[in-house]
Amino acid sequence: RAGMIAIINRIATPATDRIVAEAEARGVEKFAAEQRGVAERLKKRGGDVVMSSIKFCLESAEEAEVFAQQLREGAK
């Protein structure tokens, strides 16, 4: 029984891995898009504190987009 479990755990599933990575990447991209949307809404308010928040949102979005790409590349 333990031998069968070990064999099953070693089975490569590249197609499934790519599908899962794509789904994860899409979720991260949705987060990035939301961050960009928050930044756009904040731009309408103005002010120094708001500018700091806008910068934070845009940087978060950029980092999320890089991470989404890394998820896709890791599944290849």
PDB file of N, CA and C in Angstrom:
ATOM      1  N   ARG A   1       0.830  -1.188   0.000  1.00  0.00           N
ATOM      2  CA  ARG A   1       0.000   0.000   0.000  1.00  0.00           C
ATOM      3  C   ARG A   1       0.878   1.257   0.000  1.00  0.00           C
ATOM      4  N   ALA A   2       1.891   1.294   0.845  1.00  0.00           N
ATOM      5  CA  ALA A   2       2.784   2.450   0.918  1.00  0.00           C
ATOM      6  C   ALA A   2       3.525   2.623  -0.410  1.00  0.00           C
ATOM      7  N   GLY A   3       3.848   1.503  -1.050  1.00  0.00           N
ATOM      8  CA  GLY A   3       4.530   1.564  -2.344  1.00  0.00           C
ATOM      9  C   GLY A   3       3.663   2.204  -3.417  1.00  0.00           C
ATOM     10  N   MET A   4       2.383   1.885  -3.421  1.00  0.00           N
ATOM     11  CA  MET A   4       1.452   2.475  -4.387  1.00  0.00           C
ATOM     12  C   MET A   4       1.322   3.978  -4.163  1.00  0.00           C
ATOM     13  N   ILE A   5       1.250   4.381  -2.917  1.00  0.00           N
ATOM     14  CA  ILE A   5       1.143   5.814  -2.606  1.00  0.00           C
ATOM     15  C   ILE A   5       2.395   6.540  -3.077  1.00  0.00           C
ATOM     16  N   ALA A   6       3.556   5.939  -2.865  1.00  0.00           N
ATOM     17  CA  ALA A   6       4.812   6.544  -3.317  1.00  0.00           C
ATOM     18  C   ALA A   6       4.831   6.679  -4.830  1.00  0.00           C
ATOM     19  N   ILE A   7       4.354   5.687  -5.537  1.00  0.00           N
ATOM     20  CA  ILE A   7       4.307   5.745  -7.001  1.00  0.00           C
ATOM     21  C   ILE A   7       3.349   6.838  -7.461  1.00  0.00           C
ATOM     22  N   ILE A   8       2.188   6.912  -6.854  1.00  0.00           N
ATOM     23  CA  ILE A   8       1.203   7.930  -7.219  1.00  0.00           C
ATOM     24  C   ILE A   8       1.754   9.331  -6.974  1.00  0.00           C
ATOM     25  N   ASN A   9       2.464   9.504  -5.887  1.00  0.00           N
ATOM     26  CA  ASN A   9       3.024  10.818  -5.567  1.00  0.00           C
ATOM     27  C   ASN A   9       4.112  11.249  -6.541  1.00  0.00           C
ATOM     28  N   ARG A  10       4.726  10.295  -7.248  1.00  0.00           N
ATOM     29  CA  ARG A  10       5.783  10.634  -8.201  1.00  0.00           C
ATOM     30  C   ARG A  10       5.273  10.846  -9.620  1.00  0.00           C
ATOM     31  N   ILE A  11       4.016  10.623  -9.852  1.00  0.00           N
ATOM     32  CA  ILE A  11       3.466  10.779 -11.198  1.00  0.00           C
ATOM     33  C   ILE A  11       3.484  12.261 -11.574  1.00  0.00           C
ATOM     34  N   ALA A  12       4.093  12.553 -12.690  1.00  0.00           N
ATOM     35  CA  ALA A  12       4.154  13.929 -13.183  1.00  0.00           C
ATOM     36  C   ALA A  12       2.829  14.274 -13.866  1.00  0.00           C
ATOM     37  N   THR A  13       2.341  15.444 -13.597  1.00  0.00           N
ATOM     38  CA  THR A  13       1.085  15.906 -14.200  1.00  0.00           C
ATOM     39  C   THR A  13       1.273  17.311 -14.767  1.00  0.00           C
ATOM     40  N   PRO A  14       2.127  17.448 -15.794  1.00  0.00           N
ATOM     41  CA  PRO A  14       2.430  18.786 -16.311  1.00  0.00           C
ATOM     42  C   PRO A  14       1.208  19.529 -16.842  1.00  0.00           C
ATOM     43  N   ALA A  15       0.283  18.851 -17.480  1.00  0.00           N
ATOM     44  CA  ALA A  15      -0.904  19.537 -18.008  1.00  0.00           C
ATOM     45  C   ALA A  15      -1.749  20.085 -16.863  1.00  0.00           C
ATOM     46  N   THR A  16      -1.946  19.269 -15.852  1.00  0.00           N
ATOM     47  CA  THR A  16      -2.713  19.717 -14.689  1.00  0.00           C
ATOM     48  C   THR A  16      -1.982  20.850 -13.973  1.00  0.00           C
ATOM     49  N   ASP A  17      -0.670  20.733 -13.859  1.00  0.00           N
ATOM     50  CA  ASP A  17       0.125  21.789 -13.223  1.00  0.00           C
ATOM     51  C   ASP A  17      -0.040  23.114 -13.953  1.00  0.00           C
ATOM     52  N   ARG A  18      -0.051  23.067 -15.289  1.00  0.00           N
ATOM     53  CA  ARG A  18      -0.230  24.301 -16.081  1.00  0.00           C
ATOM     54  C   ARG A  18      -1.625  24.892 -15.874  1.00  0.00           C
ATOM     55  N   ILE A  19      -2.620  24.037 -15.812  1.00  0.00           N
ATOM     56  CA  ILE A  19      -4.000  24.510 -15.603  1.00  0.00           C
ATOM     57  C   ILE A  19      -4.119  25.188 -14.242  1.00  0.00           C
ATOM     58  N   VAL A  20      -3.566  24.555 -13.219  1.00  0.00           N
ATOM     59  CA  VAL A  20      -3.625  25.126 -11.868  1.00  0.00           C
ATOM     60  C   VAL A  20      -2.861  26.442 -11.819  1.00  0.00           C
ATOM     61  N   ALA A  21      -1.664  26.474 -12.423  1.00  0.00           N
ATOM     62  CA  ALA A  21      -0.863  27.699 -12.430  1.00  0.00           C
ATOM     63  C   ALA A  21      -1.589  28.825 -13.150  1.00  0.00           C
ATOM     64  N   GLU A  22      -2.271  28.506 -14.240  1.00  0.00           N
ATOM     65  CA  GLU A  22      -3.031  29.524 -14.980  1.00  0.00           C
ATOM     66  C   GLU A  22      -4.161  30.083 -14.125  1.00  0.00           C
ATOM     67  N   ALA A  23      -4.858  29.212 -13.418  1.00  0.00           N
ATOM     68  CA  ALA A  23      -5.942  29.664 -12.541  1.00  0.00           C
ATOM     69  C   ALA A  23      -5.400  30.552 -11.425  1.00  0.00           C
ATOM     70  N   GLU A  24      -4.291  30.153 -10.847  1.00  0.00           N
ATOM     71  CA  GLU A  24      -3.682  30.970  -9.797  1.00  0.00           C
ATOM     72  C   GLU A  24      -3.249  32.326 -10.349  1.00  0.00           C
ATOM     73  N   ALA A  25      -2.610  32.311 -11.517  1.00  0.00           N
ATOM     74  CA  ALA A  25      -2.143  33.548 -12.132  1.00  0.00           C
ATOM     75  C   ALA A  25      -3.304  34.491 -12.432  1.00  0.00           C
ATOM     76  N   ARG A  26      -4.408  33.943 -12.893  1.00  0.00           N
ATOM     77  CA  ARG A  26      -5.590  34.786 -13.158  1.00  0.00           C
ATOM     78  C   ARG A  26      -6.100  35.444 -11.883  1.00  0.00           C
ATOM     79  N   GLY A  27      -6.083  34.712 -10.791  1.00  0.00           N
ATOM     80  CA  GLY A  27      -6.500  35.276  -9.515  1.00  0.00           C
ATOM     81  C   GLY A  27      -5.588  36.413  -9.085  1.00  0.00           C
ATOM     82  N   VAL A  28      -4.296  36.223  -9.262  1.00  0.00           N
ATOM     83  CA  VAL A  28      -3.332  37.267  -8.914  1.00  0.00           C
ATOM     84  C   VAL A  28      -3.526  38.485  -9.819  1.00  0.00           C
ATOM     85  N   GLU A  29      -3.799  38.249 -11.087  1.00  0.00           N
ATOM     86  CA  GLU A  29      -4.041  39.368 -12.008  1.00  0.00           C
ATOM     87  C   GLU A  29      -5.318  40.121 -11.646  1.00  0.00           C
ATOM     88  N   LYS A  30      -6.306  39.424 -11.144  1.00  0.00           N
ATOM     89  CA  LYS A  30      -7.523  40.110 -10.685  1.00  0.00           C
ATOM     90  C   LYS A  30      -7.196  41.022  -9.505  1.00  0.00           C
ATOM     91  N   PHE A  31      -6.337  40.550  -8.617  1.00  0.00           N
ATOM     92  CA  PHE A  31      -5.897  41.384  -7.506  1.00  0.00           C
ATOM     93  C   PHE A  31      -5.172  42.621  -8.040  1.00  0.00           C
ATOM     94  N   ALA A  32      -4.288  42.430  -9.007  1.00  0.00           N
ATOM     95  CA  ALA A  32      -3.549  43.554  -9.587  1.00  0.00           C
ATOM     96  C   ALA A  32      -4.510  44.566 -10.208  1.00  0.00           C
ATOM     97  N   ALA A  33      -5.498  44.077 -10.916  1.00  0.00           N
ATOM     98  CA  ALA A  33      -6.481  44.968 -11.537  1.00  0.00           C
ATOM     99  C   ALA A  33      -7.260  45.739 -10.476  1.00  0.00           C
ATOM    100  N   GLU A  34      -7.594  45.075  -9.390  1.00  0.00           N
ATOM    101  CA  GLU A  34      -8.311  45.749  -8.305  1.00  0.00           C
ATOM    102  C   GLU A  34      -7.438  46.834  -7.689  1.00  0.00           C
ATOM    103  N   GLN A  35      -6.156  46.550  -7.507  1.00  0.00           N
ATOM    104  CA  GLN A  35      -5.237  47.558  -6.962  1.00  0.00           C
ATOM    105  C   GLN A  35      -5.164  48.777  -7.882  1.00  0.00           C
ATOM    106  N   ARG A  36      -5.117  48.519  -9.179  1.00  0.00           N
ATOM    107  CA  ARG A  36      -5.100  49.639 -10.135  1.00  0.00           C
ATOM    108  C   ARG A  36      -6.410  50.426 -10.057  1.00  0.00           C
ATOM    109  N   GLY A  37      -7.523  49.740  -9.859  1.00  0.00           N
ATOM    110  CA  GLY A  37      -8.811  50.408  -9.720  1.00  0.00           C
ATOM    111  C   GLY A  37      -8.866  51.272  -8.467  1.00  0.00           C
ATOM    112  N   VAL A  38      -8.328  50.755  -7.375  1.00  0.00           N
ATOM    113  CA  VAL A  38      -8.268  51.540  -6.135  1.00  0.00           C
ATOM    114  C   VAL A  38      -7.436  52.792  -6.370  1.00  0.00           C
ATOM    115  N   ALA A  39      -6.307  52.634  -7.053  1.00  0.00           N
ATOM    116  CA  ALA A  39      -5.442  53.791  -7.337  1.00  0.00           C
ATOM    117  C   ALA A  39      -6.204  54.835  -8.156  1.00  0.00           C
ATOM    118  N   GLU A  40      -6.958  54.395  -9.143  1.00  0.00           N
ATOM    119  CA  GLU A  40      -7.732  55.334  -9.966  1.00  0.00           C
ATOM    120  C   GLU A  40      -8.782  56.065  -9.133  1.00  0.00           C
ATOM    121  N   ARG A  41      -9.448  55.331  -8.254  1.00  0.00           N
ATOM    122  CA  ARG A  41     -10.452  55.975  -7.407  1.00  0.00           C
ATOM    123  C   ARG A  41      -9.814  56.973  -6.446  1.00  0.00           C
ATOM    124  N   LEU A  42      -8.623  56.641  -5.940  1.00  0.00           N
ATOM    125  CA  LEU A  42      -7.925  57.543  -5.027  1.00  0.00           C
ATOM    126  C   LEU A  42      -7.443  58.808  -5.725  1.00  0.00           C
ATOM    127  N   LYS A  43      -7.090  58.673  -7.000  1.00  0.00           N
ATOM    128  CA  LYS A  43      -6.616  59.840  -7.752  1.00  0.00           C
ATOM    129  C   LYS A  43      -7.655  60.959  -7.761  1.00  0.00           C
ATOM    130  N   LYS A  44      -8.908  60.579  -7.702  1.00  0.00           N
ATOM    131  CA  LYS A  44      -9.986  61.564  -7.733  1.00  0.00           C
ATOM    132  C   LYS A  44     -10.056  62.370  -6.433  1.00  0.00           C
ATOM    133  N   ARG A  45      -9.499  61.820  -5.352  1.00  0.00           N
ATOM    134  CA  ARG A  45      -9.540  62.505  -4.059  1.00  0.00           C
ATOM    135  C   ARG A  45      -8.427  63.530  -3.901  1.00  0.00           C
ATOM    136  N   GLY A  46      -7.218  63.212  -4.375  1.00  0.00           N
ATOM    137  CA  GLY A  46      -6.080  64.115  -4.238  1.00  0.00           C
ATOM    138  C   GLY A  46      -5.526  64.122  -2.818  1.00  0.00           C
ATOM    139  N   GLY A  47      -4.468  64.919  -2.586  1.00  0.00           N
ATOM    140  CA  GLY A  47      -3.848  65.042  -1.270  1.00  0.00           C
ATOM    141  C   GLY A  47      -2.613  64.184  -1.129  1.00  0.00           C
ATOM    142  N   ASP A  48      -1.746  64.560  -0.159  1.00  0.00           N
ATOM    143  CA  ASP A  48      -0.463  63.874   0.032  1.00  0.00           C
ATOM    144  C   ASP A  48      -0.617  62.426   0.498  1.00  0.00           C
ATOM    145  N   VAL A  49      -1.501  62.199   1.456  1.00  0.00           N
ATOM    146  CA  VAL A  49      -1.693  60.839   1.959  1.00  0.00           C
ATOM    147  C   VAL A  49      -2.249  59.954   0.853  1.00  0.00           C
ATOM    148  N   VAL A  50      -3.124  60.506   0.075  1.00  0.00           N
ATOM    149  CA  VAL A  50      -3.716  59.751  -1.027  1.00  0.00           C
ATOM    150  C   VAL A  50      -2.638  59.410  -2.058  1.00  0.00           C
ATOM    151  N   MET A  51      -1.734  60.326  -2.332  1.00  0.00           N
ATOM    152  CA  MET A  51      -0.664  60.051  -3.299  1.00  0.00           C
ATOM    153  C   MET A  51       0.202  58.891  -2.822  1.00  0.00           C
ATOM    154  N   SER A  52       0.456  58.818  -1.540  1.00  0.00           N
ATOM    155  CA  SER A  52       1.213  57.710  -0.976  1.00  0.00           C
ATOM    156  C   SER A  52       0.462  56.398  -1.162  1.00  0.00           C
ATOM    157  N   SER A  53      -0.835  56.431  -0.949  1.00  0.00           N
ATOM    158  CA  SER A  53      -1.666  55.232  -1.119  1.00  0.00           C
ATOM    159  C   SER A  53      -1.719  54.798  -2.579  1.00  0.00           C
ATOM    160  N   ILE A  54      -1.808  55.763  -3.476  1.00  0.00           N
ATOM    161  CA  ILE A  54      -1.830  55.462  -4.907  1.00  0.00           C
ATOM    162  C   ILE A  54      -0.538  54.761  -5.307  1.00  0.00           C
ATOM    163  N   LYS A  55       0.577  55.303  -4.843  1.00  0.00           N
ATOM    164  CA  LYS A  55       1.883  54.698  -5.159  1.00  0.00           C
ATOM    165  C   LYS A  55       1.936  53.259  -4.644  1.00  0.00           C
ATOM    166  N   PHE A  56       1.458  53.055  -3.416  1.00  0.00           N
ATOM    167  CA  PHE A  56       1.445  51.716  -2.838  1.00  0.00           C
ATOM    168  C   PHE A  56       0.605  50.761  -3.683  1.00  0.00           C
ATOM    169  N   CYS A  57      -0.575  51.203  -4.095  1.00  0.00           N
ATOM    170  CA  CYS A  57      -1.471  50.360  -4.904  1.00  0.00           C
ATOM    171  C   CYS A  57      -0.832  49.992  -6.235  1.00  0.00           C
ATOM    172  N   LEU A  58      -0.236  50.964  -6.891  1.00  0.00           N
ATOM    173  CA  LEU A  58       0.373  50.702  -8.192  1.00  0.00           C
ATOM    174  C   LEU A  58       1.591  49.780  -8.065  1.00  0.00           C
ATOM    175  N   GLU A  59       2.378  49.960  -7.015  1.00  0.00           N
ATOM    176  CA  GLU A  59       3.518  49.062  -6.795  1.00  0.00           C
ATOM    177  C   GLU A  59       3.037  47.645  -6.486  1.00  0.00           C
ATOM    178  N   SER A  60       1.978  47.530  -5.705  1.00  0.00           N
ATOM    179  CA  SER A  60       1.406  46.210  -5.407  1.00  0.00           C
ATOM    180  C   SER A  60       0.916  45.530  -6.678  1.00  0.00           C
ATOM    181  N   ALA A  61       0.285  46.310  -7.539  1.00  0.00           N
ATOM    182  CA  ALA A  61      -0.218  45.769  -8.804  1.00  0.00           C
ATOM    183  C   ALA A  61       0.935  45.261  -9.666  1.00  0.00           C
ATOM    184  N   GLU A  62       2.002  46.042  -9.750  1.00  0.00           N
ATOM    185  CA  GLU A  62       3.163  45.614 -10.551  1.00  0.00           C
ATOM    186  C   GLU A  62       3.776  44.336 -10.001  1.00  0.00           C
ATOM    187  N   GLU A  63       3.928  44.270  -8.685  1.00  0.00           N
ATOM    188  CA  GLU A  63       4.490  43.067  -8.069  1.00  0.00           C
ATOM    189  C   GLU A  63       3.582  41.862  -8.305  1.00  0.00           C
ATOM    190  N   ALA A  64       2.290  42.059  -8.242  1.00  0.00           N
ATOM    191  CA  ALA A  64       1.341  40.965  -8.475  1.00  0.00           C
ATOM    192  C   ALA A  64       1.436  40.467  -9.916  1.00  0.00           C
ATOM    193  N   GLU A  65       1.595  41.393 -10.856  1.00  0.00           N
ATOM    194  CA  GLU A  65       1.705  40.991 -12.265  1.00  0.00           C
ATOM    195  C   GLU A  65       2.980  40.187 -12.515  1.00  0.00           C
ATOM    196  N   VAL A  66       4.060  40.570 -11.867  1.00  0.00           N
ATOM    197  CA  VAL A  66       5.312  39.800 -11.980  1.00  0.00           C
ATOM    198  C   VAL A  66       5.116  38.412 -11.377  1.00  0.00           C
ATOM    199  N   PHE A  67       4.452  38.365 -10.232  1.00  0.00           N
ATOM    200  CA  PHE A  67       4.202  37.084  -9.579  1.00  0.00           C
ATOM    201  C   PHE A  67       3.325  36.183 -10.438  1.00  0.00           C
ATOM    202  N   ALA A  68       2.324  36.752 -11.077  1.00  0.00           N
ATOM    203  CA  ALA A  68       1.456  35.966 -11.963  1.00  0.00           C
ATOM    204  C   ALA A  68       2.278  35.343 -13.090  1.00  0.00           C
ATOM    205  N   GLN A  69       3.193  36.108 -13.639  1.00  0.00           N
ATOM    206  CA  GLN A  69       4.048  35.587 -14.710  1.00  0.00           C
ATOM    207  C   GLN A  69       4.946  34.469 -14.171  1.00  0.00           C
ATOM    208  N   GLN A  70       5.458  34.640 -12.965  1.00  0.00           N
ATOM    209  CA  GLN A  70       6.298  33.598 -12.361  1.00  0.00           C
ATOM    210  C   GLN A  70       5.501  32.315 -12.143  1.00  0.00           C
ATOM    211  N   LEU A  71       4.244  32.450 -11.756  1.00  0.00           N
ATOM    212  CA  LEU A  71       3.394  31.259 -11.583  1.00  0.00           C
ATOM    213  C   LEU A  71       3.266  30.508 -12.912  1.00  0.00           C
ATOM    214  N   ARG A  72       3.032  31.256 -13.971  1.00  0.00           N
ATOM    215  CA  ARG A  72       2.889  30.609 -15.282  1.00  0.00           C
ATOM    216  C   ARG A  72       4.192  29.956 -15.714  1.00  0.00           C
ATOM    217  N   GLU A  73       5.294  30.625 -15.518  1.00  0.00           N
ATOM    218  CA  GLU A  73       6.584  30.078 -15.937  1.00  0.00           C
ATOM    219  C   GLU A  73       6.973  28.853 -15.116  1.00  0.00           C
ATOM    220  N   GLY A  74       6.589  28.846 -13.841  1.00  0.00           N
ATOM    221  CA  GLY A  74       6.922  27.715 -12.982  1.00  0.00           C
ATOM    222  C   GLY A  74       6.185  26.445 -13.347  1.00  0.00           C
ATOM    223  N   ALA A  75       5.123  26.571 -14.107  1.00  0.00           N
ATOM    224  CA  ALA A  75       4.320  25.407 -14.481  1.00  0.00           C
ATOM    225  C   ALA A  75       4.790  24.787 -15.790  1.00  0.00           C
ATOM    226  N   LYS A  76       5.781  25.377 -16.414  1.00  0.00           N
ATOM    227  CA  LYS A  76       6.238  24.841 -17.713  1.00  0.00           C
ATOM    228  C   LYS A  76       7.129  23.653 -17.526  1.00  0.00           C
TER     229      LYS A  76
END
